[in-house]
Amino acid sequence: MNPLPVPKDSRTQGAGKLIITVASSTNAGESTLIIVVDDDASVANSTCRLIRSLGMQAEAFFSGADLLHSGRATEASCVILDVRMPNLNGLQLQRRLTEIRSSIPVIFFSAHAGKEEEDQALRSGAVAFLRKPVHRHDLLRVIRMALEKAS
């Protein structure tokens, strides 16, 4: 009896996160996990779709607390953070992630952050700081740069 085919991707939405998992294969890119943290669900979801189009896994969290409570930060190849989020902002989350795993590449993106926040993020080790709306090619270039830095 033949097993059922594995779907190309599966999506689930739970408390505070959307998980998009690409079916496993021998391609190393597909074992790459990019985590997106943004309190704007439409931005998080569209960013995950873009990342998935590259053959990588993407997980979206709608708050920093949700990511920290999930335990998934240690598995991430790269984390993309919005700067301005309620409760735990992106800069605070970046510090917490560094405490968990100092080598995790972080990319920031924001529509409203000031120059001071951008400078602080970069001084704290962010790979890049992008302004929303982020052009698809810019985001992909920066993700590749972050993954090269991590390897």
C-alpha atoms as a PDB file:
ATOM      1  CA  MET A   1       0.000   0.000   0.000  1.00  0.00           C
ATOM      2  CA  ASN A   2       1.379   3.423  -0.984  1.00  0.00           C
ATOM      3  CA  PRO A   3       1.513   6.057   1.737  1.00  0.00           C
ATOM      4  CA  LEU A   4      -0.435   9.250   1.212  1.00  0.00           C
ATOM      5  CA  PRO A   5       1.575  11.957  -0.535  1.00  0.00           C
ATOM      6  CA  VAL A   6       3.103  14.573   1.704  1.00  0.00           C
ATOM      7  CA  PRO A   7       1.537  17.974   1.075  1.00  0.00           C
ATOM      8  CA  LYS A   8       3.866  20.629  -0.309  1.00  0.00           C
ATOM      9  CA  ASP A   9       3.281  22.712   2.797  1.00  0.00           C
ATOM     10  CA  SER A  10       1.076  22.669   5.810  1.00  0.00           C
ATOM     11  CA  ARG A  11      -0.235  25.630   7.760  1.00  0.00           C
ATOM     12  CA  THR A  12      -1.628  25.863  11.242  1.00  0.00           C
ATOM     13  CA  GLN A  13      -2.619  28.869  13.237  1.00  0.00           C
ATOM     14  CA  GLY A  14      -2.538  28.761  16.995  1.00  0.00           C
ATOM     15  CA  ALA A  15      -2.389  31.261  19.804  1.00  0.00           C
ATOM     16  CA  GLY A  16      -0.264  34.080  18.499  1.00  0.00           C
ATOM     17  CA  LYS A  17       1.526  32.351  15.647  1.00  0.00           C
ATOM     18  CA  LEU A  18       1.225  30.943  12.169  1.00  0.00           C
ATOM     19  CA  ILE A  19       3.439  28.029  11.262  1.00  0.00           C
ATOM     20  CA  ILE A  20       4.308  27.360   7.647  1.00  0.00           C
ATOM     21  CA  THR A  21       6.348  24.211   7.259  1.00  0.00           C
ATOM     22  CA  VAL A  22       7.803  23.183   3.932  1.00  0.00           C
ATOM     23  CA  ALA A  23       7.826  19.436   3.286  1.00  0.00           C
ATOM     24  CA  SER A  24      11.230  17.934   3.978  1.00  0.00           C
ATOM     25  CA  SER A  25      13.583  16.957   1.181  1.00  0.00           C
ATOM     26  CA  THR A  26      17.272  16.479   0.652  1.00  0.00           C
ATOM     27  CA  ASN A  27      17.700  20.167  -0.190  1.00  0.00           C
ATOM     28  CA  ALA A  28      19.600  21.823   2.665  1.00  0.00           C
ATOM     29  CA  GLY A  29      17.706  25.084   2.108  1.00  0.00           C
ATOM     30  CA  GLU A  30      14.513  23.402   3.152  1.00  0.00           C
ATOM     31  CA  SER A  31      15.920  22.647   6.596  1.00  0.00           C
ATOM     32  CA  THR A  32      16.587  26.353   7.120  1.00  0.00           C
ATOM     33  CA  LEU A  33      14.152  27.938   9.580  1.00  0.00           C
ATOM     34  CA  ILE A  34      13.503  31.666   9.360  1.00  0.00           C
ATOM     35  CA  ILE A  35      11.398  33.125  12.172  1.00  0.00           C
ATOM     36  CA  VAL A  36       9.434  36.317  11.573  1.00  0.00           C
ATOM     37  CA  VAL A  37       8.192  38.320  14.578  1.00  0.00           C
ATOM     38  CA  ASP A  38       5.746  41.118  13.752  1.00  0.00           C
ATOM     39  CA  ASP A  39       2.550  42.161  15.514  1.00  0.00           C
ATOM     40  CA  ASP A  40       0.999  42.895  12.087  1.00  0.00           C
ATOM     41  CA  ALA A  41      -0.280  39.471  10.989  1.00  0.00           C
ATOM     42  CA  SER A  42      -0.539  40.447   7.316  1.00  0.00           C
ATOM     43  CA  VAL A  43       3.134  41.471   7.238  1.00  0.00           C
ATOM     44  CA  ALA A  44       4.236  38.345   9.105  1.00  0.00           C
ATOM     45  CA  ASN A  45       2.186  36.072   6.843  1.00  0.00           C
ATOM     46  CA  SER A  46       3.302  37.657   3.570  1.00  0.00           C
ATOM     47  CA  THR A  47       6.941  37.575   4.698  1.00  0.00           C
ATOM     48  CA  CYS A  48       6.583  33.883   5.487  1.00  0.00           C
ATOM     49  CA  ARG A  49       5.093  33.228   2.043  1.00  0.00           C
ATOM     50  CA  LEU A  50       8.056  34.955   0.430  1.00  0.00           C
ATOM     51  CA  ILE A  51      10.535  32.933   2.475  1.00  0.00           C
ATOM     52  CA  ARG A  52       8.666  29.737   1.684  1.00  0.00           C
ATOM     53  CA  SER A  53       8.965  30.554  -2.023  1.00  0.00           C
ATOM     54  CA  LEU A  54      12.734  30.136  -1.546  1.00  0.00           C
ATOM     55  CA  GLY A  55      12.254  26.608  -0.223  1.00  0.00           C
ATOM     56  CA  MET A  56      12.907  27.420   3.422  1.00  0.00           C
ATOM     57  CA  GLN A  57      10.764  26.890   6.473  1.00  0.00           C
ATOM     58  CA  ALA A  58       9.175  29.983   7.951  1.00  0.00           C
ATOM     59  CA  GLU A  59       7.423  30.491  11.262  1.00  0.00           C
ATOM     60  CA  ALA A  60       5.595  33.674  12.174  1.00  0.00           C
ATOM     61  CA  PHE A  61       5.037  34.874  15.708  1.00  0.00           C
ATOM     62  CA  PHE A  62       2.929  37.914  16.477  1.00  0.00           C
ATOM     63  CA  SER A  63       4.806  38.862  19.654  1.00  0.00           C
ATOM     64  CA  GLY A  64       8.237  38.425  21.130  1.00  0.00           C
ATOM     65  CA  ALA A  65       6.771  36.675  24.158  1.00  0.00           C
ATOM     66  CA  ASP A  66       5.152  34.051  21.935  1.00  0.00           C
ATOM     67  CA  LEU A  67       8.511  33.299  20.322  1.00  0.00           C
ATOM     68  CA  LEU A  68      10.323  33.088  23.655  1.00  0.00           C
ATOM     69  CA  HIS A  69       7.679  30.785  25.127  1.00  0.00           C
ATOM     70  CA  SER A  70       7.724  28.509  22.060  1.00  0.00           C
ATOM     71  CA  GLY A  71      11.308  27.347  22.495  1.00  0.00           C
ATOM     72  CA  ARG A  72      11.828  27.690  18.719  1.00  0.00           C
ATOM     73  CA  ALA A  73      14.395  30.483  18.881  1.00  0.00           C
ATOM     74  CA  THR A  74      17.205  27.976  19.408  1.00  0.00           C
ATOM     75  CA  GLU A  75      16.247  26.235  16.139  1.00  0.00           C
ATOM     76  CA  ALA A  76      16.150  29.351  13.976  1.00  0.00           C
ATOM     77  CA  SER A  77      18.698  29.963  11.252  1.00  0.00           C
ATOM     78  CA  CYS A  78      17.726  33.643  11.223  1.00  0.00           C
ATOM     79  CA  VAL A  79      15.161  35.890  12.940  1.00  0.00           C
ATOM     80  CA  ILE A  80      13.413  38.834  11.306  1.00  0.00           C
ATOM     81  CA  LEU A  81      12.040  41.332  13.831  1.00  0.00           C
ATOM     82  CA  ASP A  82       9.782  44.345  13.720  1.00  0.00           C
ATOM     83  CA  VAL A  83      11.124  47.097  15.966  1.00  0.00           C
ATOM     84  CA  ARG A  84       7.886  48.514  17.322  1.00  0.00           C
ATOM     85  CA  MET A  85       5.704  45.909  18.958  1.00  0.00           C
ATOM     86  CA  PRO A  86       3.647  46.115  22.151  1.00  0.00           C
ATOM     87  CA  ASN A  87       5.093  44.837  25.437  1.00  0.00           C
ATOM     88  CA  LEU A  88       8.420  43.356  24.281  1.00  0.00           C
ATOM     89  CA  ASN A  89       9.749  45.446  21.383  1.00  0.00           C
ATOM     90  CA  GLY A  90      12.181  44.204  18.765  1.00  0.00           C
ATOM     91  CA  LEU A  91      15.273  45.687  20.422  1.00  0.00           C
ATOM     92  CA  GLN A  92      14.387  44.051  23.741  1.00  0.00           C
ATOM     93  CA  LEU A  93      13.718  40.769  21.950  1.00  0.00           C
ATOM     94  CA  GLN A  94      17.073  41.014  20.185  1.00  0.00           C
ATOM     95  CA  ARG A  95      18.794  41.249  23.600  1.00  0.00           C
ATOM     96  CA  ARG A  96      16.839  38.247  24.906  1.00  0.00           C
ATOM     97  CA  LEU A  97      17.697  36.198  21.811  1.00  0.00           C
ATOM     98  CA  THR A  98      21.378  37.020  22.257  1.00  0.00           C
ATOM     99  CA  GLU A  99      21.158  35.670  25.817  1.00  0.00           C
ATOM    100  CA  ILE A 100      19.613  32.448  24.499  1.00  0.00           C
ATOM    101  CA  ARG A 101      21.970  31.994  21.544  1.00  0.00           C
ATOM    102  CA  SER A 102      24.524  34.667  20.736  1.00  0.00           C
ATOM    103  CA  SER A 103      25.152  33.524  17.171  1.00  0.00           C
ATOM    104  CA  ILE A 104      21.625  33.926  15.791  1.00  0.00           C
ATOM    105  CA  PRO A 105      21.511  36.406  12.887  1.00  0.00           C
ATOM    106  CA  VAL A 106      18.869  39.112  13.332  1.00  0.00           C
ATOM    107  CA  ILE A 107      17.327  41.272  10.623  1.00  0.00           C
ATOM    108  CA  PHE A 108      15.123  44.228  11.561  1.00  0.00           C
ATOM    109  CA  PHE A 109      12.381  45.784   9.530  1.00  0.00           C
ATOM    110  CA  SER A 110      10.147  48.659  10.486  1.00  0.00           C
ATOM    111  CA  ALA A 111       7.847  51.293   9.043  1.00  0.00           C
ATOM    112  CA  HIS A 112       8.083  53.727  11.956  1.00  0.00           C
ATOM    113  CA  ALA A 113      11.430  53.303  13.700  1.00  0.00           C
ATOM    114  CA  GLY A 114      13.663  56.292  14.183  1.00  0.00           C
ATOM    115  CA  LYS A 115      17.333  56.646  13.353  1.00  0.00           C
ATOM    116  CA  GLU A 116      18.243  56.040  17.008  1.00  0.00           C
ATOM    117  CA  GLU A 117      16.452  52.668  17.010  1.00  0.00           C
ATOM    118  CA  GLU A 118      18.123  51.725  13.726  1.00  0.00           C
ATOM    119  CA  ASP A 119      21.561  52.637  15.080  1.00  0.00           C
ATOM    120  CA  GLN A 120      20.939  50.725  18.312  1.00  0.00           C
ATOM    121  CA  ALA A 121      19.848  47.596  16.405  1.00  0.00           C
ATOM    122  CA  LEU A 122      22.946  47.657  14.208  1.00  0.00           C
ATOM    123  CA  ARG A 123      25.289  48.374  17.149  1.00  0.00           C
ATOM    124  CA  SER A 124      23.756  45.382  18.914  1.00  0.00           C
ATOM    125  CA  GLY A 125      24.723  43.088  16.052  1.00  0.00           C
ATOM    126  CA  ALA A 126      21.791  43.105  13.627  1.00  0.00           C
ATOM    127  CA  VAL A 127      22.769  41.999  10.128  1.00  0.00           C
ATOM    128  CA  ALA A 128      20.565  44.660   8.541  1.00  0.00           C
ATOM    129  CA  PHE A 129      17.803  47.172   9.170  1.00  0.00           C
ATOM    130  CA  LEU A 130      15.192  47.514   6.419  1.00  0.00           C
ATOM    131  CA  ARG A 131      12.400  50.058   6.069  1.00  0.00           C
ATOM    132  CA  LYS A 132       8.851  48.872   5.337  1.00  0.00           C
ATOM    133  CA  PRO A 133       7.566  48.366   2.813  1.00  0.00           C
ATOM    134  CA  VAL A 134      10.520  46.111   2.099  1.00  0.00           C
ATOM    135  CA  HIS A 135      11.220  45.272  -1.518  1.00  0.00           C
ATOM    136  CA  ARG A 136      11.208  41.517  -2.100  1.00  0.00           C
ATOM    137  CA  HIS A 137      14.720  41.456  -3.592  1.00  0.00           C
ATOM    138  CA  ASP A 138      16.173  43.481  -0.716  1.00  0.00           C
ATOM    139  CA  LEU A 139      14.706  41.118   1.860  1.00  0.00           C
ATOM    140  CA  LEU A 140      15.930  38.026   0.011  1.00  0.00           C
ATOM    141  CA  ARG A 141      19.420  39.504  -0.381  1.00  0.00           C
ATOM    142  CA  VAL A 142      19.612  40.290   3.339  1.00  0.00           C
ATOM    143  CA  ILE A 143      18.301  36.830   4.332  1.00  0.00           C
ATOM    144  CA  ARG A 144      20.991  35.199   2.190  1.00  0.00           C
ATOM    145  CA  MET A 145      23.607  37.482   3.748  1.00  0.00           C
ATOM    146  CA  ALA A 146      22.412  36.539   7.264  1.00  0.00           C
ATOM    147  CA  LEU A 147      22.508  32.816   6.458  1.00  0.00           C
ATOM    148  CA  GLU A 148      26.045  33.118   5.063  1.00  0.00           C
ATOM    149  CA  LYS A 149      27.085  34.926   8.228  1.00  0.00           C
ATOM    150  CA  ALA A 150      25.620  32.109  10.329  1.00  0.00           C
ATOM    151  CA  SER A 151      27.424  29.344   8.439  1.00  0.00           C
END
